[in-house]
């Protein structure tokens, strides 16, 4: 419940137009070779998103960058937690996050 959290993040990107709160966009990269492997890791990303919100506020800019095999169950779990994602092959989708 503060700004002193130590959480692993793959990339920290400052948007072209800095956010009012000054927070950069936090991006966690994820790639899996099968749908089953992705499903085993779905709760870890949900827990990371919750920890970020507890530390930095509900409006923390966080997204997953996905490559490989991800099914609707995995994506539904992330969407239910309010976690955004972009596909590695559609990098331009980061524009909606201001990057």
Protein backbone atom coordinates (compact mmCIF):
# COMPACT_ATOMS: atom_id res chain seq x y z
CA UNK A 1 0.00 0.00 0.00
CA UNK A 2 2.55 2.56 -1.09
CA UNK A 3 5.26 3.28 -3.61
CA UNK A 4 7.92 1.03 -2.09
CA UNK A 5 7.06 -2.27 -3.78
CA UNK A 6 9.64 -4.53 -5.41
CA UNK A 7 7.84 -6.27 -8.25
CA UNK A 8 9.41 -7.89 -11.33
CA UNK A 9 8.52 -6.14 -14.60
CA UNK A 10 10.09 -6.85 -17.99
CA UNK A 11 9.82 -3.35 -19.47
CA UNK A 12 9.14 0.14 -18.16
CA UNK A 13 8.26 2.58 -20.96
CA UNK A 14 7.64 6.30 -20.59
CA UNK A 15 4.77 7.35 -22.90
CA UNK A 16 5.36 10.00 -25.54
CA UNK A 17 3.03 12.29 -23.60
CA UNK A 18 3.80 11.61 -19.91
CA UNK A 19 0.81 10.64 -17.80
CA UNK A 20 -0.50 13.12 -15.25
CA UNK A 21 0.52 10.80 -12.40
CA UNK A 22 4.00 10.39 -13.93
CA UNK A 23 3.79 6.58 -14.02
CA UNK A 24 5.37 4.82 -17.00
CA UNK A 25 3.65 1.96 -18.81
CA UNK A 26 4.64 -1.38 -17.26
CA UNK A 27 4.88 -4.28 -19.71
CA UNK A 28 5.31 -7.96 -18.84
CA UNK A 29 6.37 -10.16 -21.74
CA UNK A 30 4.99 -13.69 -21.93
CA UNK A 31 5.40 -16.48 -24.47
CA UNK A 32 4.26 -20.08 -24.20
CA UNK A 33 4.63 -23.11 -26.45
CA UNK A 34 1.20 -24.57 -25.68
CA UNK A 35 -2.25 -23.60 -24.42
CA UNK A 36 -1.74 -25.83 -21.36
CA UNK A 37 1.47 -24.07 -20.37
CA UNK A 38 -0.22 -20.67 -20.69
CA UNK A 39 -3.07 -21.80 -18.44
CA UNK A 40 -0.61 -22.86 -15.72
CA UNK A 41 0.76 -19.28 -15.59
CA UNK A 42 -2.49 -17.31 -15.79
CA UNK A 43 -2.79 -16.75 -12.04
CA UNK A 44 0.75 -15.37 -11.71
CA UNK A 45 -0.10 -12.46 -14.02
CA UNK A 46 -3.33 -11.82 -12.19
CA UNK A 47 -1.43 -11.69 -8.88
CA UNK A 48 1.14 -9.30 -10.36
CA UNK A 49 -1.62 -6.98 -11.61
CA UNK A 50 -3.24 -6.99 -8.16
CA UNK A 51 0.07 -6.24 -6.43
CA UNK A 52 0.73 -3.35 -8.83
CA UNK A 53 -2.71 -1.90 -8.13
CA UNK A 54 -2.19 -2.20 -4.38
CA UNK A 55 1.15 -0.40 -4.65
CA UNK A 56 0.49 2.23 -7.30
CA UNK A 57 -3.30 2.70 -7.53
CA UNK A 58 -6.06 1.13 -9.58
CA UNK A 59 -5.09 3.18 -12.64
CA UNK A 60 -1.55 1.78 -12.99
CA UNK A 61 -0.74 1.33 -16.70
CA UNK A 62 0.06 -2.40 -16.99
CA UNK A 63 -0.14 -4.68 -20.01
CA UNK A 64 0.98 -8.15 -21.03
CA UNK A 65 2.84 -8.57 -24.32
CA UNK A 66 1.89 -12.01 -25.56
CA UNK A 67 3.48 -14.32 -28.08
CA UNK A 68 2.84 -18.00 -28.65
CA UNK A 69 -0.24 -19.97 -27.66
CA UNK A 70 -2.94 -18.30 -25.59
CA UNK A 71 -6.54 -19.45 -25.62
CA UNK A 72 -9.78 -17.74 -24.74
CA UNK A 73 -9.71 -19.14 -21.19
CA UNK A 74 -6.38 -17.45 -20.49
CA UNK A 75 -7.43 -14.17 -22.08
CA UNK A 76 -10.76 -14.26 -20.24
CA UNK A 77 -8.99 -14.68 -16.91
CA UNK A 78 -6.83 -11.64 -17.63
CA UNK A 79 -9.75 -9.55 -18.89
CA UNK A 80 -11.76 -10.37 -15.75
CA UNK A 81 -8.94 -8.81 -13.72
CA UNK A 82 -8.78 -5.75 -15.98
CA UNK A 83 -5.38 -6.70 -17.40
CA UNK A 84 -4.76 -5.39 -20.92
CA UNK A 85 -2.67 -7.31 -23.44
CA UNK A 86 -1.07 -6.75 -26.82
CA UNK A 87 0.28 -9.33 -29.23
CA UNK A 88 3.98 -9.30 -30.14
CA UNK A 89 3.08 -9.32 -33.82
CA UNK A 90 0.78 -6.27 -33.33
CA UNK A 91 3.17 -3.91 -31.57
CA UNK A 92 1.23 -0.88 -32.83
CA UNK A 93 -1.51 -1.77 -30.33
CA UNK A 94 0.71 -0.15 -27.68
CA UNK A 95 -0.45 3.20 -29.04
CA UNK A 96 -3.66 2.91 -27.03
CA UNK A 97 -1.45 2.97 -23.93
CA UNK A 98 0.26 6.13 -25.15
CA UNK A 99 3.49 4.43 -26.21
